[in-house]
């Protein structure tokens, strides 16, 4: 048997070392597309990596990520958002690593897109399923031309940027349409189904202007679900230890 067998399911053992693979593509003004893959997990997001340190075995012991920008009226969510994102990366993609999520101050340019990215990331936890059970892809600012807008405040934003999150999860269904926007694709929409299959999908997408009251609703729901998931996880670990 190989000394480092390929893991088919992270639920086999919580103690097995997981060495992630990280790919980066340089963007404008120091921004990069960071893709982290470990086991079946793949997390891709447009972020600003402000610093990394690695262990001799290739695993990360420190990752600093900056996500910008946020609106002032949503600042009260920053502590929970930072903690949730850190737990997500540490537990599912970079176990054992200390991940610092840096949320920049409010900004007028690109604030909607920066905030929706953060909210959508948390919204993945709405189902209560850990990230290591499915593949995740997060894209910020996909222009009509197909290129990624690494800085949502660029002129391409005027053409209508798309932010989309997809995951194979047993998901829920709810819609938050924007009554002031024309077209059914505007606002924030989350849809999927409740069956536990590989093809279950949760999708968050928006074209054009994003209304912050809907983003706030998504965030509130996400944080609540994330807390419930964490409690279930801890209870499961406790029961497992007691049975052994």
Protein backbone atom coordinates (compact mmCIF):
# COMPACT_ATOMS: atom_id res chain seq x y z
CA UNK A 1 0.00 0.00 0.00
CA UNK A 2 1.21 3.49 -0.80
CA UNK A 3 2.49 5.56 2.12
CA UNK A 4 0.22 8.41 1.02
CA UNK A 5 -2.90 6.87 -0.51
CA UNK A 6 -5.26 9.12 -2.42
CA UNK A 7 -8.16 10.03 -0.20
CA UNK A 8 -11.53 9.26 -1.71
CA UNK A 9 -13.52 10.79 1.11
CA UNK A 10 -12.34 13.06 3.91
CA UNK A 11 -14.82 11.46 6.27
CA UNK A 12 -12.55 8.40 6.50
CA UNK A 13 -10.26 10.05 9.03
CA UNK A 14 -9.96 13.52 10.48
CA UNK A 15 -6.35 12.86 11.44
CA UNK A 16 -4.96 11.97 8.02
CA UNK A 17 -2.54 14.62 6.71
CA UNK A 18 -3.87 16.61 3.79
CA UNK A 19 -1.30 18.34 1.61
CA UNK A 20 -3.05 20.94 -0.54
CA UNK A 21 -2.03 22.02 -4.00
CA UNK A 22 -2.14 25.74 -4.70
CA UNK A 23 -2.19 27.39 -8.11
CA UNK A 24 -2.03 31.14 -8.66
CA UNK A 25 -2.51 33.29 -11.73
CA UNK A 26 -1.30 36.87 -11.55
CA UNK A 27 -3.80 39.64 -12.21
CA UNK A 28 -3.78 43.41 -12.24
CA UNK A 29 -2.36 45.46 -9.38
CA UNK A 30 -1.05 42.54 -7.39
CA UNK A 31 -4.33 40.61 -7.43
CA UNK A 32 -4.19 36.89 -8.13
CA UNK A 33 -6.58 34.04 -8.73
CA UNK A 34 -5.88 31.52 -5.99
CA UNK A 35 -7.00 27.91 -6.40
CA UNK A 36 -6.59 25.49 -3.53
CA UNK A 37 -7.20 21.78 -4.11
CA UNK A 38 -7.09 19.08 -1.45
CA UNK A 39 -8.81 15.73 -1.86
CA UNK A 40 -12.09 16.50 -3.60
CA UNK A 41 -12.09 20.11 -2.50
CA UNK A 42 -11.36 22.86 -4.98
CA UNK A 43 -11.80 26.47 -3.90
CA UNK A 44 -11.10 29.18 -6.44
CA UNK A 45 -11.48 32.85 -5.68
CA UNK A 46 -10.09 36.15 -6.86
CA UNK A 47 -8.23 37.41 -3.82
CA UNK A 48 -5.16 39.40 -2.89
CA UNK A 49 -2.60 37.15 -1.23
CA UNK A 50 -0.61 39.41 1.07
CA UNK A 51 1.78 36.75 2.31
CA UNK A 52 2.38 33.02 2.72
CA UNK A 53 4.77 30.78 4.61
CA UNK A 54 5.17 27.05 4.00
CA UNK A 55 6.35 24.03 5.94
CA UNK A 56 9.09 21.73 4.55
CA UNK A 57 6.47 19.17 3.51
CA UNK A 58 4.76 21.71 1.29
CA UNK A 59 1.80 22.44 3.55
CA UNK A 60 1.01 26.01 4.50
CA UNK A 61 1.45 27.24 8.04
CA UNK A 62 0.24 30.75 7.28
CA UNK A 63 -1.87 32.27 4.54
CA UNK A 64 -2.94 35.89 4.44
CA UNK A 65 -5.84 36.77 2.17
CA UNK A 66 -7.39 40.16 1.53
CA UNK A 67 -10.94 40.54 0.25
CA UNK A 68 -12.02 44.05 -0.66
CA UNK A 69 -14.06 46.11 -0.21
CA UNK A 70 -17.06 46.26 2.18
CA UNK A 71 -19.82 48.77 2.81
CA UNK A 72 -19.79 50.68 6.08
CA UNK A 73 -23.32 49.66 7.10
CA UNK A 74 -22.31 45.99 7.00
CA UNK A 75 -19.22 46.36 9.19
CA UNK A 76 -20.95 44.66 12.12
CA UNK A 77 -20.70 41.35 10.29
CA UNK A 78 -16.93 41.52 9.87
CA UNK A 79 -15.93 39.55 13.01
CA UNK A 80 -18.21 36.61 12.22
CA UNK A 81 -17.35 36.77 8.54
CA UNK A 82 -13.62 36.68 9.19
CA UNK A 83 -13.96 33.80 11.65
CA UNK A 84 -16.21 31.82 9.32
CA UNK A 85 -13.95 32.21 6.31
CA UNK A 86 -10.95 31.28 8.40
CA UNK A 87 -12.63 28.12 9.68
CA UNK A 88 -13.69 27.23 6.14
CA UNK A 89 -10.16 27.42 4.76
CA UNK A 90 -8.43 25.90 7.77
CA UNK A 91 -10.73 22.90 8.12
CA UNK A 92 -11.37 22.10 4.50
CA UNK A 93 -8.49 23.28 2.34
CA UNK A 94 -5.48 24.06 4.51
CA UNK A 95 -5.76 21.96 7.69
CA UNK A 96 -3.34 23.04 10.36
CA UNK A 97 -2.72 26.39 8.72
CA UNK A 98 -3.33 29.75 10.30
CA UNK A 99 -5.35 31.74 7.79
CA UNK A 100 -5.73 35.48 8.18
CA UNK A 101 -8.68 36.95 6.32
CA UNK A 102 -8.22 40.70 5.87
CA UNK A 103 -11.44 42.57 5.11
CA UNK A 104 -10.68 46.00 3.74
CA UNK A 105 -12.47 49.21 4.80
CA UNK A 106 -15.51 50.42 2.94
CA UNK A 107 -14.93 51.71 -0.56
CA UNK A 108 -17.13 53.24 -3.21
CA UNK A 109 -15.57 51.33 -6.11
CA UNK A 110 -16.58 47.73 -6.49
CA UNK A 111 -18.08 47.53 -3.00
CA UNK A 112 -21.09 45.55 -4.16
CA UNK A 113 -19.02 42.88 -5.81
CA UNK A 114 -16.50 42.58 -3.01
CA UNK A 115 -19.26 42.17 -0.45
CA UNK A 116 -21.29 39.71 -2.50
CA UNK A 117 -18.22 37.51 -2.85
CA UNK A 118 -17.83 37.37 0.92
CA UNK A 119 -21.54 36.80 1.48
CA UNK A 120 -21.72 34.14 -1.21
CA UNK A 121 -18.78 32.32 0.31
CA UNK A 122 -20.63 32.03 3.59
CA UNK A 123 -23.85 31.13 1.79
CA UNK A 124 -22.24 27.86 0.76
CA UNK A 125 -22.70 26.76 4.38
CA UNK A 126 -26.46 27.31 4.31
CA UNK A 127 -27.01 23.59 3.76
CA UNK A 128 -25.00 22.63 6.81
CA UNK A 129 -22.69 20.42 4.74
CA UNK A 130 -18.93 20.85 5.25
CA UNK A 131 -16.96 22.03 2.25
CA UNK A 132 -14.96 18.81 2.12
CA UNK A 133 -18.01 16.96 0.80
CA UNK A 134 -18.17 18.74 -2.53
CA UNK A 135 -16.33 20.83 -5.07
CA UNK A 136 -16.58 24.61 -4.95
CA UNK A 137 -15.87 27.26 -7.54
CA UNK A 138 -16.11 30.97 -6.77
CA UNK A 139 -15.67 33.44 -9.60
CA UNK A 140 -15.64 37.20 -9.10
CA UNK A 141 -16.47 39.53 -11.94
CA UNK A 142 -16.79 37.33 -15.01
CA UNK A 143 -17.12 39.78 -17.89
CA UNK A 144 -19.34 39.09 -20.93
CA UNK A 145 -16.14 38.51 -22.87
CA UNK A 146 -15.41 35.55 -20.62
CA UNK A 147 -12.40 37.09 -18.91
CA UNK A 148 -12.22 37.45 -15.15
CA UNK A 149 -12.44 40.98 -13.78
CA UNK A 150 -9.72 40.92 -11.14
CA UNK A 151 -10.72 44.41 -10.02
CA UNK A 152 -14.52 44.84 -10.10
CA UNK A 153 -14.14 48.62 -10.18
CA UNK A 154 -12.77 48.49 -13.73
CA UNK A 155 -14.72 49.77 -16.69
CA UNK A 156 -15.82 46.25 -17.60
CA UNK A 157 -18.20 46.45 -14.65
CA UNK A 158 -20.40 48.71 -16.77
CA UNK A 159 -21.09 45.78 -19.08
CA UNK A 160 -22.60 43.80 -16.21
CA UNK A 161 -20.37 41.52 -14.17
CA UNK A 162 -21.41 38.08 -13.01
CA UNK A 163 -20.62 36.62 -9.62
CA UNK A 164 -21.49 32.96 -9.30
CA UNK A 165 -20.99 30.24 -6.72
CA UNK A 166 -21.71 26.60 -7.48
CA UNK A 167 -21.39 23.61 -5.20
CA UNK A 168 -22.53 20.01 -5.17
CA UNK A 169 -24.56 19.99 -2.01
CA UNK A 170 -27.98 19.03 -0.67
CA UNK A 171 -29.24 22.58 -0.97
CA UNK A 172 -32.25 24.67 -0.14
CA UNK A 173 -34.39 26.87 -2.33
CA UNK A 174 -35.13 30.55 -1.85
CA UNK A 175 -35.25 33.56 -4.13
CA UNK A 176 -34.54 37.19 -3.39
CA UNK A 177 -35.62 39.06 -6.53
CA UNK A 178 -34.86 42.72 -7.00
CA UNK A 179 -38.20 44.43 -7.68
CA UNK A 180 -36.47 47.52 -9.05
CA UNK A 181 -34.36 45.62 -11.57
CA UNK A 182 -35.50 44.47 -14.98
CA UNK A 183 -34.99 40.84 -15.85
CA UNK A 184 -35.24 37.73 -13.71
CA UNK A 185 -31.49 37.27 -13.42
CA UNK A 186 -30.98 40.37 -11.29
CA UNK A 187 -30.86 40.59 -7.53
CA UNK A 188 -29.56 37.62 -5.55
CA UNK A 189 -30.84 34.13 -6.23
CA UNK A 190 -30.08 30.87 -4.48
CA UNK A 191 -31.63 27.71 -5.82
CA UNK A 192 -31.15 23.98 -5.68
CA UNK A 193 -32.82 20.98 -4.07
CA UNK A 194 -32.85 19.11 -0.79
CA UNK A 195 -31.86 15.67 -2.06
CA UNK A 196 -28.41 14.41 -1.11
CA UNK A 197 -26.92 13.60 -4.49
CA UNK A 198 -23.70 14.46 -6.27
CA UNK A 199 -25.62 16.63 -8.69
CA UNK A 200 -27.30 18.88 -6.13
CA UNK A 201 -26.31 22.44 -6.86
CA UNK A 202 -26.53 25.73 -5.00
CA UNK A 203 -26.01 28.75 -7.22
CA UNK A 204 -25.72 32.41 -6.31
CA UNK A 205 -25.62 34.75 -9.24
CA UNK A 206 -26.20 38.38 -10.01
CA UNK A 207 -26.09 40.47 -13.14
CA UNK A 208 -25.96 44.22 -12.80
CA UNK A 209 -26.72 46.24 -9.69
CA UNK A 210 -26.95 44.33 -6.40
CA UNK A 211 -29.27 45.53 -3.65
CA UNK A 212 -27.60 45.24 -0.27
CA UNK A 213 -30.71 44.29 1.69
CA UNK A 214 -30.73 40.97 -0.19
CA UNK A 215 -27.05 40.38 0.39
CA UNK A 216 -27.59 41.04 4.09
CA UNK A 217 -30.38 38.45 4.17
CA UNK A 218 -28.13 35.87 2.55
CA UNK A 219 -25.39 36.64 5.03
CA UNK A 220 -27.66 36.37 8.07
CA UNK A 221 -28.98 33.02 6.88
CA UNK A 222 -25.49 31.80 6.13
CA UNK A 223 -24.03 32.69 9.52
CA UNK A 224 -26.93 30.99 11.29
CA UNK A 225 -26.50 27.84 9.22
CA UNK A 226 -22.74 27.90 9.70
CA UNK A 227 -23.17 28.02 13.47
CA UNK A 228 -25.60 25.09 13.31
CA UNK A 229 -23.15 23.13 11.15
CA UNK A 230 -20.31 23.77 13.59
CA UNK A 231 -22.46 22.54 16.47
CA UNK A 232 -23.38 19.38 14.56
CA UNK A 233 -19.73 18.78 13.71
CA UNK A 234 -18.64 19.10 17.32
CA UNK A 235 -21.47 16.83 18.49
CA UNK A 236 -20.47 14.25 15.89
CA UNK A 237 -16.85 14.31 17.00
CA UNK A 238 -17.91 13.93 20.63
CA UNK A 239 -20.14 10.95 19.83
CA UNK A 240 -17.37 9.33 17.77
CA UNK A 241 -14.85 9.66 20.61
CA UNK A 242 -17.34 8.32 23.14
CA UNK A 243 -18.13 5.29 20.98
CA UNK A 244 -14.44 4.45 20.68
